[in-house]
């Protein structure tokens, strides 16, 4: 099985630069991250729990708008390729298989602002 689990973009206003920009969302078993394509602001999430649970059971209200997305991926539990619900907040990132309910819960670990030296 590939380490590439979820890779998508979501266009919204960045929490750091406040511009409407693509937010690149990547999730693999050992890490998830959201990065602004405009300013490079990145939130890194580390895994905390994997379980079969009801939808939303690990997602807490955060300091930014909660993103609720659906992406197609292969489940690491039931191995079915199908829709997965992504719920992303400022401190939590949850991926839940719509087929079997297996849930990956990531907790925010670090935030940083990447500065592209080539643009300056």
Protein backbone atom coordinates (compact mmCIF):
# COMPACT_ATOMS: atom_id res chain seq x y z
CA UNK A 1 0.00 0.00 0.00
CA UNK A 2 1.28 3.46 -0.87
CA UNK A 3 2.03 6.03 1.82
CA UNK A 4 0.06 8.52 -0.26
CA UNK A 5 -3.32 8.47 1.46
CA UNK A 6 -5.01 11.87 0.91
CA UNK A 7 -3.71 14.68 -1.31
CA UNK A 8 -6.06 17.52 -2.24
CA UNK A 9 -6.51 21.30 -2.31
CA UNK A 10 -9.17 23.47 -0.73
CA UNK A 11 -9.57 27.12 -1.77
CA UNK A 12 -10.35 29.41 1.17
CA UNK A 13 -8.94 32.35 3.10
CA UNK A 14 -5.63 31.63 4.81
CA UNK A 15 -5.54 32.00 8.59
CA UNK A 16 -2.13 33.71 8.32
CA UNK A 17 -2.05 35.94 5.20
CA UNK A 18 -5.87 36.36 5.04
CA UNK A 19 -5.79 35.92 1.23
CA UNK A 20 -8.05 33.58 -0.73
CA UNK A 21 -5.62 30.85 -1.78
CA UNK A 22 -5.39 27.10 -2.31
CA UNK A 23 -4.65 25.22 0.90
CA UNK A 24 -2.75 22.03 0.07
CA UNK A 25 -3.91 19.15 2.26
CA UNK A 26 -1.74 16.03 2.60
CA UNK A 27 -2.32 13.09 4.92
CA UNK A 28 -0.32 9.90 5.30
CA UNK A 29 -0.42 7.45 8.21
CA UNK A 30 2.42 9.16 10.11
CA UNK A 31 1.57 12.85 9.47
CA UNK A 32 -0.97 15.28 8.03
CA UNK A 33 -0.42 18.88 6.97
CA UNK A 34 -2.21 21.90 5.56
CA UNK A 35 -0.10 24.48 3.70
CA UNK A 36 -1.09 27.80 2.12
CA UNK A 37 0.05 28.05 -1.51
CA UNK A 38 0.26 31.85 -1.17
CA UNK A 39 2.34 32.47 1.99
CA UNK A 40 3.55 29.00 2.95
CA UNK A 41 1.91 28.96 6.38
CA UNK A 42 1.84 25.29 7.34
CA UNK A 43 0.15 23.33 10.10
CA UNK A 44 1.62 19.90 10.87
CA UNK A 45 -0.54 17.26 12.58
CA UNK A 46 0.71 14.02 14.14
CA UNK A 47 -1.37 10.86 14.60
CA UNK A 48 -2.92 10.26 18.00
CA UNK A 49 -5.68 7.66 17.57
CA UNK A 50 -6.90 5.20 14.96
CA UNK A 51 -10.24 3.59 15.67
CA UNK A 52 -13.62 2.70 14.26
CA UNK A 53 -15.84 5.43 15.64
CA UNK A 54 -18.93 7.44 14.90
CA UNK A 55 -18.54 10.51 12.71
CA UNK A 56 -17.22 13.61 14.45
CA UNK A 57 -16.40 11.89 17.72
CA UNK A 58 -12.81 13.20 17.76
CA UNK A 59 -13.36 16.66 16.28
CA UNK A 60 -13.39 19.62 18.63
CA UNK A 61 -14.43 23.16 17.84
CA UNK A 62 -11.35 25.23 17.05
CA UNK A 63 -10.25 28.78 16.55
CA UNK A 64 -10.84 28.79 12.74
CA UNK A 65 -13.74 27.65 10.57
CA UNK A 66 -14.08 23.86 10.50
CA UNK A 67 -13.51 22.39 7.03
CA UNK A 68 -15.64 19.38 6.15
CA UNK A 69 -14.51 17.76 2.89
CA UNK A 70 -14.92 14.41 1.15
CA UNK A 71 -12.05 12.77 -0.77
CA UNK A 72 -11.62 9.36 -2.39
CA UNK A 73 -8.90 7.18 -0.87
CA UNK A 74 -8.13 3.55 -0.06
CA UNK A 75 -8.97 2.70 3.55
CA UNK A 76 -6.09 1.27 5.58
CA UNK A 77 -8.59 -0.83 7.56
CA UNK A 78 -11.11 -2.32 5.09
CA UNK A 79 -8.96 -1.69 1.93
CA UNK A 80 -11.98 -0.34 0.01
CA UNK A 81 -11.32 2.67 -2.23
CA UNK A 82 -14.14 5.10 -1.59
CA UNK A 83 -15.18 8.36 0.02
CA UNK A 84 -13.48 9.51 3.22
CA UNK A 85 -14.79 12.40 5.32
CA UNK A 86 -12.09 14.94 6.23
CA UNK A 87 -12.74 17.29 9.13
CA UNK A 88 -10.00 19.86 9.60
CA UNK A 89 -9.80 22.40 12.40
CA UNK A 90 -6.98 24.54 13.73
CA UNK A 91 -5.81 21.87 16.18
CA UNK A 92 -7.42 18.64 14.93
CA UNK A 93 -7.52 16.71 11.64
CA UNK A 94 -9.82 13.68 11.28
CA UNK A 95 -10.18 11.28 8.35
CA UNK A 96 -13.05 8.77 8.49
CA UNK A 97 -13.79 5.97 6.01
CA UNK A 98 -17.43 6.20 4.94
CA UNK A 99 -17.46 2.43 4.28
CA UNK A 100 -16.29 0.95 7.62
CA UNK A 101 -16.02 3.98 9.92
CA UNK A 102 -12.28 3.57 10.56
CA UNK A 103 -10.98 6.93 11.77
CA UNK A 104 -7.52 8.52 11.75
CA UNK A 105 -7.26 11.32 14.31
CA UNK A 106 -4.34 13.73 14.13
CA UNK A 107 -3.55 16.47 16.63
CA UNK A 108 -1.74 19.68 15.76
CA UNK A 109 1.96 19.46 16.52
CA UNK A 110 3.65 22.50 14.95
CA UNK A 111 2.91 25.58 12.86
CA UNK A 112 5.42 27.48 10.78
CA UNK A 113 5.59 30.05 8.02
CA UNK A 114 7.78 29.00 5.12
CA UNK A 115 9.46 31.85 3.28
CA UNK A 116 10.35 31.16 -0.33
CA UNK A 117 13.80 32.72 -0.80
CA UNK A 118 13.47 32.50 -4.59
CA UNK A 119 10.53 34.92 -4.62
CA UNK A 120 12.46 37.67 -2.82
